[in-house]
């Protein structure tokens, strides 16, 4: 069922909740807006696929940078097996 919305100042519209609930949209994400045969089409743009977004988080990038520094300086521990590594970590 279609929902109507009002065009506000600066031609802004709100995507209704019933439509938003069907799509994985988040505040701050970008959308593409095109005209197609008398219709306005709004399509989400996935600049970074959602299943890879964790990799680009500030926390992950900080940990990755620290790991690279540790490797460059030789601060590594080598294990002969996963079992040995788990014992070392207390798992």
PDB file of N, CA and C in Angstrom:
ATOM      1  N   UNK A   1       0.846  -1.175   0.000  1.00  0.00           N
ATOM      2  CA  UNK A   1       0.000   0.000   0.000  1.00  0.00           C
ATOM      3  C   UNK A   1       0.892   1.239   0.000  1.00  0.00           C
ATOM      4  N   UNK A   2       0.585   2.194  -0.837  1.00  0.00           N
ATOM      5  CA  UNK A   2       1.363   3.424  -0.952  1.00  0.00           C
ATOM      6  C   UNK A   2       1.035   4.378   0.201  1.00  0.00           C
ATOM      7  N   UNK A   3       2.057   5.112   0.623  1.00  0.00           N
ATOM      8  CA  UNK A   3       1.898   6.127   1.657  1.00  0.00           C
ATOM      9  C   UNK A   3       2.234   7.466   1.030  1.00  0.00           C
ATOM     10  N   UNK A   4       1.454   8.490   1.322  1.00  0.00           N
ATOM     11  CA  UNK A   4       1.748   9.810   0.773  1.00  0.00           C
ATOM     12  C   UNK A   4       2.525  10.634   1.781  1.00  0.00           C
ATOM     13  N   UNK A   5       3.393  11.494   1.251  1.00  0.00           N
ATOM     14  CA  UNK A   5       4.168  12.407   2.089  1.00  0.00           C
ATOM     15  C   UNK A   5       4.090  13.793   1.464  1.00  0.00           C
ATOM     16  N   UNK A   6       4.364  14.795   2.244  1.00  0.00           N
ATOM     17  CA  UNK A   6       4.303  16.181   1.780  1.00  0.00           C
ATOM     18  C   UNK A   6       5.710  16.682   1.472  1.00  0.00           C
ATOM     19  N   UNK A   7       5.840  17.402   0.372  1.00  0.00           N
ATOM     20  CA  UNK A   7       7.119  18.021   0.027  1.00  0.00           C
ATOM     21  C   UNK A   7       7.249  19.289   0.854  1.00  0.00           C
ATOM     22  N   UNK A   8       8.342  19.376   1.626  1.00  0.00           N
ATOM     23  CA  UNK A   8       8.566  20.518   2.503  1.00  0.00           C
ATOM     24  C   UNK A   8       9.525  21.497   1.848  1.00  0.00           C
ATOM     25  N   UNK A   9       9.912  22.508   2.638  1.00  0.00           N
ATOM     26  CA  UNK A   9      10.886  23.481   2.146  1.00  0.00           C
ATOM     27  C   UNK A   9      12.110  22.766   1.605  1.00  0.00           C
ATOM     28  N   UNK A  10      12.742  23.369   0.637  1.00  0.00           N
ATOM     29  CA  UNK A  10      13.937  22.815  -0.010  1.00  0.00           C
ATOM     30  C   UNK A  10      13.652  21.444  -0.623  1.00  0.00           C
ATOM     31  N   UNK A  11      12.391  21.149  -0.889  1.00  0.00           N
ATOM     32  CA  UNK A  11      11.943  19.911  -1.533  1.00  0.00           C
ATOM     33  C   UNK A  11      12.324  18.667  -0.737  1.00  0.00           C
ATOM     34  N   UNK A  12      12.315  18.761   0.579  1.00  0.00           N
ATOM     35  CA  UNK A  12      12.615  17.614   1.433  1.00  0.00           C
ATOM     36  C   UNK A  12      11.359  16.785   1.662  1.00  0.00           C
ATOM     37  N   UNK A  13      11.568  15.465   1.741  1.00  0.00           N
ATOM     38  CA  UNK A  13      10.481  14.540   2.077  1.00  0.00           C
ATOM     39  C   UNK A  13      10.985  13.578   3.149  1.00  0.00           C
ATOM     40  N   UNK A  14      10.078  13.022   3.916  1.00  0.00           N
ATOM     41  CA  UNK A  14      10.412  12.025   4.928  1.00  0.00           C
ATOM     42  C   UNK A  14      10.012  10.660   4.399  1.00  0.00           C
ATOM     43  N   UNK A  15      10.911   9.706   4.502  1.00  0.00           N
ATOM     44  CA  UNK A  15      10.585   8.335   4.098  1.00  0.00           C
ATOM     45  C   UNK A  15       9.729   7.740   5.216  1.00  0.00           C
ATOM     46  N   UNK A  16       8.503   7.357   4.906  1.00  0.00           N
ATOM     47  CA  UNK A  16       7.596   6.861   5.947  1.00  0.00           C
ATOM     48  C   UNK A  16       8.137   5.619   6.658  1.00  0.00           C
ATOM     49  N   UNK A  17       7.738   5.468   7.916  1.00  0.00           N
ATOM     50  CA  UNK A  17       8.219   4.360   8.744  1.00  0.00           C
ATOM     51  C   UNK A  17       7.909   3.004   8.132  1.00  0.00           C
ATOM     52  N   UNK A  18       6.710   2.849   7.537  1.00  0.00           N
ATOM     53  CA  UNK A  18       6.363   1.548   6.961  1.00  0.00           C
ATOM     54  C   UNK A  18       7.273   1.181   5.788  1.00  0.00           C
ATOM     55  N   UNK A  19       7.807   2.171   5.085  1.00  0.00           N
ATOM     56  CA  UNK A  19       8.758   1.917   3.998  1.00  0.00           C
ATOM     57  C   UNK A  19      10.144   1.662   4.591  1.00  0.00           C
ATOM     58  N   UNK A  20      10.557   2.503   5.558  1.00  0.00           N
ATOM     59  CA  UNK A  20      11.877   2.344   6.194  1.00  0.00           C
ATOM     60  C   UNK A  20      12.021   0.976   6.842  1.00  0.00           C
ATOM     61  N   UNK A  21      10.946   0.472   7.424  1.00  0.00           N
ATOM     62  CA  UNK A  21      11.024  -0.812   8.122  1.00  0.00           C
ATOM     63  C   UNK A  21      11.294  -1.982   7.174  1.00  0.00           C
ATOM     64  N   UNK A  22      11.047  -1.772   5.888  1.00  0.00           N
ATOM     65  CA  UNK A  22      11.266  -2.830   4.903  1.00  0.00           C
ATOM     66  C   UNK A  22      12.662  -2.774   4.290  1.00  0.00           C
ATOM     67  N   UNK A  23      13.393  -1.709   4.580  1.00  0.00           N
ATOM     68  CA  UNK A  23      14.732  -1.530   4.016  1.00  0.00           C
ATOM     69  C   UNK A  23      15.735  -1.293   5.139  1.00  0.00           C
ATOM     70  N   UNK A  24      16.951  -1.759   4.971  1.00  0.00           N
ATOM     71  CA  UNK A  24      17.953  -1.545   6.024  1.00  0.00           C
ATOM     72  C   UNK A  24      18.617  -0.170   5.920  1.00  0.00           C
ATOM     73  N   UNK A  25      17.833   0.904   6.016  1.00  0.00           N
ATOM     74  CA  UNK A  25      18.378   2.260   5.938  1.00  0.00           C
ATOM     75  C   UNK A  25      18.801   2.740   7.317  1.00  0.00           C
ATOM     76  N   UNK A  26      19.881   3.519   7.338  1.00  0.00           N
ATOM     77  CA  UNK A  26      20.344   4.110   8.592  1.00  0.00           C
ATOM     78  C   UNK A  26      20.591   5.599   8.381  1.00  0.00           C
ATOM     79  N   UNK A  27      20.409   6.379   9.444  1.00  0.00           N
ATOM     80  CA  UNK A  27      20.656   7.821   9.387  1.00  0.00           C
ATOM     81  C   UNK A  27      22.108   8.056   8.960  1.00  0.00           C
ATOM     82  N   UNK A  28      22.302   8.973   8.032  1.00  0.00           N
ATOM     83  CA  UNK A  28      23.644   9.310   7.564  1.00  0.00           C
ATOM     84  C   UNK A  28      24.049   8.574   6.299  1.00  0.00           C
ATOM     85  N   UNK A  29      23.341   7.505   5.963  1.00  0.00           N
ATOM     86  CA  UNK A  29      23.662   6.800   4.724  1.00  0.00           C
ATOM     87  C   UNK A  29      23.172   7.620   3.533  1.00  0.00           C
ATOM     88  N   UNK A  30      23.741   7.353   2.385  1.00  0.00           N
ATOM     89  CA  UNK A  30      23.407   8.094   1.180  1.00  0.00           C
ATOM     90  C   UNK A  30      22.417   7.300   0.323  1.00  0.00           C
ATOM     91  N   UNK A  31      21.614   8.040  -0.441  1.00  0.00           N
ATOM     92  CA  UNK A  31      20.691   7.434  -1.394  1.00  0.00           C
ATOM     93  C   UNK A  31      20.878   8.115  -2.749  1.00  0.00           C
ATOM     94  N   UNK A  32      20.519   7.398  -3.782  1.00  0.00           N
ATOM     95  CA  UNK A  32      20.552   7.934  -5.141  1.00  0.00           C
ATOM     96  C   UNK A  32      19.113   8.290  -5.514  1.00  0.00           C
ATOM     97  N   UNK A  33      18.907   9.461  -6.081  1.00  0.00           N
ATOM     98  CA  UNK A  33      17.571   9.906  -6.477  1.00  0.00           C
ATOM     99  C   UNK A  33      17.576  10.131  -7.986  1.00  0.00           C
ATOM    100  N   UNK A  34      16.678   9.445  -8.690  1.00  0.00           N
ATOM    101  CA  UNK A  34      16.581   9.594 -10.143  1.00  0.00           C
ATOM    102  C   UNK A  34      15.121   9.741 -10.551  1.00  0.00           C
ATOM    103  N   UNK A  35      14.925  10.311 -11.757  1.00  0.00           N
ATOM    104  CA  UNK A  35      13.590  10.398 -12.352  1.00  0.00           C
ATOM    105  C   UNK A  35      13.489   9.291 -13.391  1.00  0.00           C
ATOM    106  N   UNK A  36      12.391   8.542 -13.335  1.00  0.00           N
ATOM    107  CA  UNK A  36      12.212   7.450 -14.288  1.00  0.00           C
ATOM    108  C   UNK A  36      10.752   7.414 -14.722  1.00  0.00           C
ATOM    109  N   UNK A  37      10.514   7.829 -15.941  1.00  0.00           N
ATOM    110  CA  UNK A  37       9.168   7.762 -16.497  1.00  0.00           C
ATOM    111  C   UNK A  37       8.099   8.413 -15.641  1.00  0.00           C
ATOM    112  N   UNK A  38       8.331   9.611 -15.159  1.00  0.00           N
ATOM    113  CA  UNK A  38       7.354  10.322 -14.356  1.00  0.00           C
ATOM    114  C   UNK A  38       7.344   9.926 -12.886  1.00  0.00           C
ATOM    115  N   UNK A  39       8.296   9.091 -12.471  1.00  0.00           N
ATOM    116  CA  UNK A  39       8.406   8.672 -11.075  1.00  0.00           C
ATOM    117  C   UNK A  39       9.727   9.148 -10.483  1.00  0.00           C
ATOM    118  N   UNK A  40       9.743   9.301  -9.178  1.00  0.00           N
ATOM    119  CA  UNK A  40      10.976   9.586  -8.458  1.00  0.00           C
ATOM    120  C   UNK A  40      11.397   8.277  -7.804  1.00  0.00           C
ATOM    121  N   UNK A  41      12.622   7.856  -8.086  1.00  0.00           N
ATOM    122  CA  UNK A  41      13.136   6.600  -7.535  1.00  0.00           C
ATOM    123  C   UNK A  41      14.260   6.932  -6.557  1.00  0.00           C
ATOM    124  N   UNK A  42      14.129   6.458  -5.331  1.00  0.00           N
ATOM    125  CA  UNK A  42      15.157   6.643  -4.304  1.00  0.00           C
ATOM    126  C   UNK A  42      15.739   5.272  -3.997  1.00  0.00           C
ATOM    127  N   UNK A  43      17.058   5.148  -4.206  1.00  0.00           N
ATOM    128  CA  UNK A  43      17.717   3.851  -4.042  1.00  0.00           C
ATOM    129  C   UNK A  43      18.901   3.987  -3.087  1.00  0.00           C
ATOM    130  N   UNK A  44      19.006   3.117  -2.077  1.00  0.00           N
ATOM    131  CA  UNK A  44      20.148   3.172  -1.159  1.00  0.00           C
ATOM    132  C   UNK A  44      21.467   2.935  -1.903  1.00  0.00           C
ATOM    133  N   UNK A  45      22.495   3.664  -1.513  1.00  0.00           N
ATOM    134  CA  UNK A  45      23.836   3.464  -2.055  1.00  0.00           C
ATOM    135  C   UNK A  45      24.669   2.828  -0.954  1.00  0.00           C
ATOM    136  N   UNK A  46      25.246   1.697  -1.238  1.00  0.00           N
ATOM    137  CA  UNK A  46      26.095   1.023  -0.270  1.00  0.00           C
ATOM    138  C   UNK A  46      27.553   1.305  -0.634  1.00  0.00           C
ATOM    139  N   UNK A  47      28.108   2.371  -0.055  1.00  0.00           N
ATOM    140  CA  UNK A  47      29.497   2.723  -0.332  1.00  0.00           C
ATOM    141  C   UNK A  47      30.434   1.663   0.226  1.00  0.00           C
ATOM    142  N   UNK A  48      30.111   1.156   1.394  1.00  0.00           N
ATOM    143  CA  UNK A  48      30.820   0.023   1.995  1.00  0.00           C
ATOM    144  C   UNK A  48      29.744  -1.003   2.308  1.00  0.00           C
ATOM    145  N   UNK A  49      29.856  -2.202   1.766  1.00  0.00           N
ATOM    146  CA  UNK A  49      28.845  -3.210   2.067  1.00  0.00           C
ATOM    147  C   UNK A  49      28.676  -3.379   3.578  1.00  0.00           C
ATOM    148  N   UNK A  50      27.438  -3.481   4.023  1.00  0.00           N
ATOM    149  CA  UNK A  50      27.161  -3.552   5.459  1.00  0.00           C
ATOM    150  C   UNK A  50      27.924  -4.670   6.159  1.00  0.00           C
ATOM    151  N   UNK A  51      28.094  -5.802   5.470  1.00  0.00           N
ATOM    152  CA  UNK A  51      28.781  -6.919   6.121  1.00  0.00           C
ATOM    153  C   UNK A  51      30.287  -6.705   6.211  1.00  0.00           C
ATOM    154  N   UNK A  52      30.790  -5.593   5.654  1.00  0.00           N
ATOM    155  CA  UNK A  52      32.207  -5.266   5.758  1.00  0.00           C
ATOM    156  C   UNK A  52      32.450  -3.971   6.528  1.00  0.00           C
ATOM    157  N   UNK A  53      31.402  -3.337   7.006  1.00  0.00           N
ATOM    158  CA  UNK A  53      31.534  -2.047   7.686  1.00  0.00           C
ATOM    159  C   UNK A  53      32.374  -2.143   8.949  1.00  0.00           C
ATOM    160  N   UNK A  54      32.344  -3.266   9.649  1.00  0.00           N
ATOM    161  CA  UNK A  54      33.133  -3.432  10.875  1.00  0.00           C
ATOM    162  C   UNK A  54      34.607  -3.175  10.607  1.00  0.00           C
ATOM    163  N   UNK A  55      35.090  -3.575   9.422  1.00  0.00           N
ATOM    164  CA  UNK A  55      36.510  -3.428   9.101  1.00  0.00           C
ATOM    165  C   UNK A  55      36.924  -1.962   9.059  1.00  0.00           C
ATOM    166  N   UNK A  56      36.005  -1.090   8.690  1.00  0.00           N
ATOM    167  CA  UNK A  56      36.319   0.334   8.540  1.00  0.00           C
ATOM    168  C   UNK A  56      35.982   1.142   9.791  1.00  0.00           C
ATOM    169  N   UNK A  57      35.572   0.486  10.864  1.00  0.00           N
ATOM    170  CA  UNK A  57      35.289   1.209  12.105  1.00  0.00           C
ATOM    171  C   UNK A  57      36.597   1.759  12.675  1.00  0.00           C
ATOM    172  N   UNK A  58      36.503   2.841  13.419  1.00  0.00           N
ATOM    173  CA  UNK A  58      37.695   3.465  14.004  1.00  0.00           C
ATOM    174  C   UNK A  58      38.432   2.482  14.915  1.00  0.00           C
ATOM    175  N   UNK A  59      37.675   1.732  15.722  1.00  0.00           N
ATOM    176  CA  UNK A  59      38.279   0.779  16.648  1.00  0.00           C
ATOM    177  C   UNK A  59      39.090  -0.284  15.905  1.00  0.00           C
ATOM    178  N   UNK A  60      38.511  -0.849  14.851  1.00  0.00           N
ATOM    179  CA  UNK A  60      39.199  -1.903  14.114  1.00  0.00           C
ATOM    180  C   UNK A  60      40.438  -1.348  13.416  1.00  0.00           C
ATOM    181  N   UNK A  61      40.328  -0.177  12.809  1.00  0.00           N
ATOM    182  CA  UNK A  61      41.471   0.420  12.120  1.00  0.00           C
ATOM    183  C   UNK A  61      42.594   0.755  13.101  1.00  0.00           C
ATOM    184  N   UNK A  62      42.251   1.182  14.317  1.00  0.00           N
ATOM    185  CA  UNK A  62      43.262   1.455  15.344  1.00  0.00           C
ATOM    186  C   UNK A  62      43.986   0.168  15.723  1.00  0.00           C
ATOM    187  N   UNK A  63      43.226  -0.897  15.941  1.00  0.00           N
ATOM    188  CA  UNK A  63      43.833  -2.193  16.285  1.00  0.00           C
ATOM    189  C   UNK A  63      44.710  -2.716  15.152  1.00  0.00           C
ATOM    190  N   UNK A  64      44.266  -2.530  13.922  1.00  0.00           N
ATOM    191  CA  UNK A  64      45.030  -2.984  12.765  1.00  0.00           C
ATOM    192  C   UNK A  64      46.360  -2.230  12.664  1.00  0.00           C
ATOM    193  N   UNK A  65      46.317  -0.909  12.863  1.00  0.00           N
ATOM    194  CA  UNK A  65      47.540  -0.095  12.818  1.00  0.00           C
ATOM    195  C   UNK A  65      48.511  -0.541  13.906  1.00  0.00           C
ATOM    196  N   UNK A  66      48.003  -0.819  15.116  1.00  0.00           N
ATOM    197  CA  UNK A  66      48.864  -1.280  16.210  1.00  0.00           C
ATOM    198  C   UNK A  66      49.467  -2.635  15.875  1.00  0.00           C
ATOM    199  N   UNK A  67      48.691  -3.522  15.287  1.00  0.00           N
ATOM    200  CA  UNK A  67      49.195  -4.842  14.905  1.00  0.00           C
ATOM    201  C   UNK A  67      50.329  -4.718  13.898  1.00  0.00           C
ATOM    202  N   UNK A  68      50.178  -3.821  12.928  1.00  0.00           N
ATOM    203  CA  UNK A  68      51.229  -3.616  11.925  1.00  0.00           C
ATOM    204  C   UNK A  68      52.516  -3.115  12.584  1.00  0.00           C
ATOM    205  N   UNK A  69      52.375  -2.192  13.540  1.00  0.00           N
ATOM    206  CA  UNK A  69      53.553  -1.683  14.259  1.00  0.00           C
ATOM    207  C   UNK A  69      54.229  -2.812  15.034  1.00  0.00           C
ATOM    208  N   UNK A  70      53.427  -3.637  15.700  1.00  0.00           N
ATOM    209  CA  UNK A  70      53.975  -4.758  16.461  1.00  0.00           C
ATOM    210  C   UNK A  70      54.731  -5.719  15.547  1.00  0.00           C
ATOM    211  N   UNK A  71      54.168  -6.020  14.388  1.00  0.00           N
ATOM    212  CA  UNK A  71      54.841  -6.912  13.440  1.00  0.00           C
ATOM    213  C   UNK A  71      56.159  -6.316  12.963  1.00  0.00           C
ATOM    214  N   UNK A  72      56.145  -5.016  12.618  1.00  0.00           N
ATOM    215  CA  UNK A  72      57.353  -4.355  12.128  1.00  0.00           C
ATOM    216  C   UNK A  72      58.467  -4.371  13.176  1.00  0.00           C
ATOM    217  N   UNK A  73      58.095  -4.280  14.442  1.00  0.00           N
ATOM    218  CA  UNK A  73      59.089  -4.242  15.520  1.00  0.00           C
ATOM    219  C   UNK A  73      59.402  -5.629  16.071  1.00  0.00           C
ATOM    220  N   UNK A  74      58.825  -6.660  15.468  1.00  0.00           N
ATOM    221  CA  UNK A  74      59.117  -8.018  15.892  1.00  0.00           C
ATOM    222  C   UNK A  74      58.437  -8.434  17.178  1.00  0.00           C
ATOM    223  N   UNK A  75      57.440  -7.698  17.596  1.00  0.00           N
ATOM    224  CA  UNK A  75      56.709  -8.034  18.823  1.00  0.00           C
ATOM    225  C   UNK A  75      55.616  -9.052  18.491  1.00  0.00           C
ATOM    226  N   UNK A  76      56.046 -10.281  18.265  1.00  0.00           N
ATOM    227  CA  UNK A  76      55.100 -11.348  17.932  1.00  0.00           C
ATOM    228  C   UNK A  76      55.456 -12.593  18.725  1.00  0.00           C
ATOM    229  N   UNK A  77      54.494 -13.432  18.935  1.00  0.00           N
ATOM    230  CA  UNK A  77      54.713 -14.722  19.565  1.00  0.00           C
ATOM    231  C   UNK A  77      54.260 -15.780  18.572  1.00  0.00           C
ATOM    232  N   UNK A  78      55.131 -16.700  18.287  1.00  0.00           N
ATOM    233  CA  UNK A  78      54.789 -17.754  17.330  1.00  0.00           C
ATOM    234  C   UNK A  78      54.402 -19.019  18.099  1.00  0.00           C
ATOM    235  N   UNK A  79      53.381 -19.683  17.614  1.00  0.00           N
ATOM    236  CA  UNK A  79      52.890 -20.898  18.235  1.00  0.00           C
ATOM    237  C   UNK A  79      52.947 -22.032  17.231  1.00  0.00           C
ATOM    238  N   UNK A  80      53.151 -23.245  17.733  1.00  0.00           N
ATOM    239  CA  UNK A  80      53.231 -24.412  16.863  1.00  0.00           C
ATOM    240  C   UNK A  80      51.854 -24.951  16.506  1.00  0.00           C
ATOM    241  N   UNK A  81      50.838 -24.553  17.303  1.00  0.00           N
ATOM    242  CA  UNK A  81      49.487 -25.053  17.050  1.00  0.00           C
ATOM    243  C   UNK A  81      48.462 -24.084  17.620  1.00  0.00           C
ATOM    244  N   UNK A  82      47.237 -24.254  17.184  1.00  0.00           N
ATOM    245  CA  UNK A  82      46.135 -23.453  17.722  1.00  0.00           C
ATOM    246  C   UNK A  82      45.948 -23.789  19.192  1.00  0.00           C
ATOM    247  N   UNK A  83      46.102 -25.041  19.525  1.00  0.00           N
ATOM    248  CA  UNK A  83      45.960 -25.477  20.907  1.00  0.00           C
ATOM    249  C   UNK A  83      46.967 -24.738  21.810  1.00  0.00           C
ATOM    250  N   UNK A  84      48.204 -24.633  21.350  1.00  0.00           N
ATOM    251  CA  UNK A  84      49.236 -23.918  22.112  1.00  0.00           C
ATOM    252  C   UNK A  84      48.876 -22.448  22.261  1.00  0.00           C
ATOM    253  N   UNK A  85      48.373 -21.840  21.211  1.00  0.00           N
ATOM    254  CA  UNK A  85      47.986 -20.423  21.258  1.00  0.00           C
ATOM    255  C   UNK A  85      46.831 -20.219  22.248  1.00  0.00           C
ATOM    256  N   UNK A  86      45.897 -21.115  22.257  1.00  0.00           N
ATOM    257  CA  UNK A  86      44.768 -21.015  23.180  1.00  0.00           C
ATOM    258  C   UNK A  86      45.226 -21.139  24.633  1.00  0.00           C
ATOM    259  N   UNK A  87      46.150 -22.042  24.874  1.00  0.00           N
ATOM    260  CA  UNK A  87      46.686 -22.172  26.237  1.00  0.00           C
ATOM    261  C   UNK A  87      47.370 -20.879  26.653  1.00  0.00           C
ATOM    262  N   UNK A  88      48.086 -20.269  25.738  1.00  0.00           N
ATOM    263  CA  UNK A  88      48.792 -19.005  26.014  1.00  0.00           C
ATOM    264  C   UNK A  88      47.808 -17.887  26.369  1.00  0.00           C
ATOM    265  N   UNK A  89      46.658 -17.869  25.688  1.00  0.00           N
ATOM    266  CA  UNK A  89      45.664 -16.815  25.893  1.00  0.00           C
ATOM    267  C   UNK A  89      44.708 -17.131  27.039  1.00  0.00           C
ATOM    268  N   UNK A  90      44.799 -18.338  27.570  1.00  0.00           N
ATOM    269  CA  UNK A  90      43.924 -18.693  28.698  1.00  0.00           C
ATOM    270  C   UNK A  90      42.565 -19.214  28.283  1.00  0.00           C
ATOM    271  N   UNK A  91      42.402 -19.599  27.033  1.00  0.00           N
ATOM    272  CA  UNK A  91      41.110 -20.149  26.563  1.00  0.00           C
ATOM    273  C   UNK A  91      40.983 -21.612  26.898  1.00  0.00           C
TER     274      UNK A  91
END
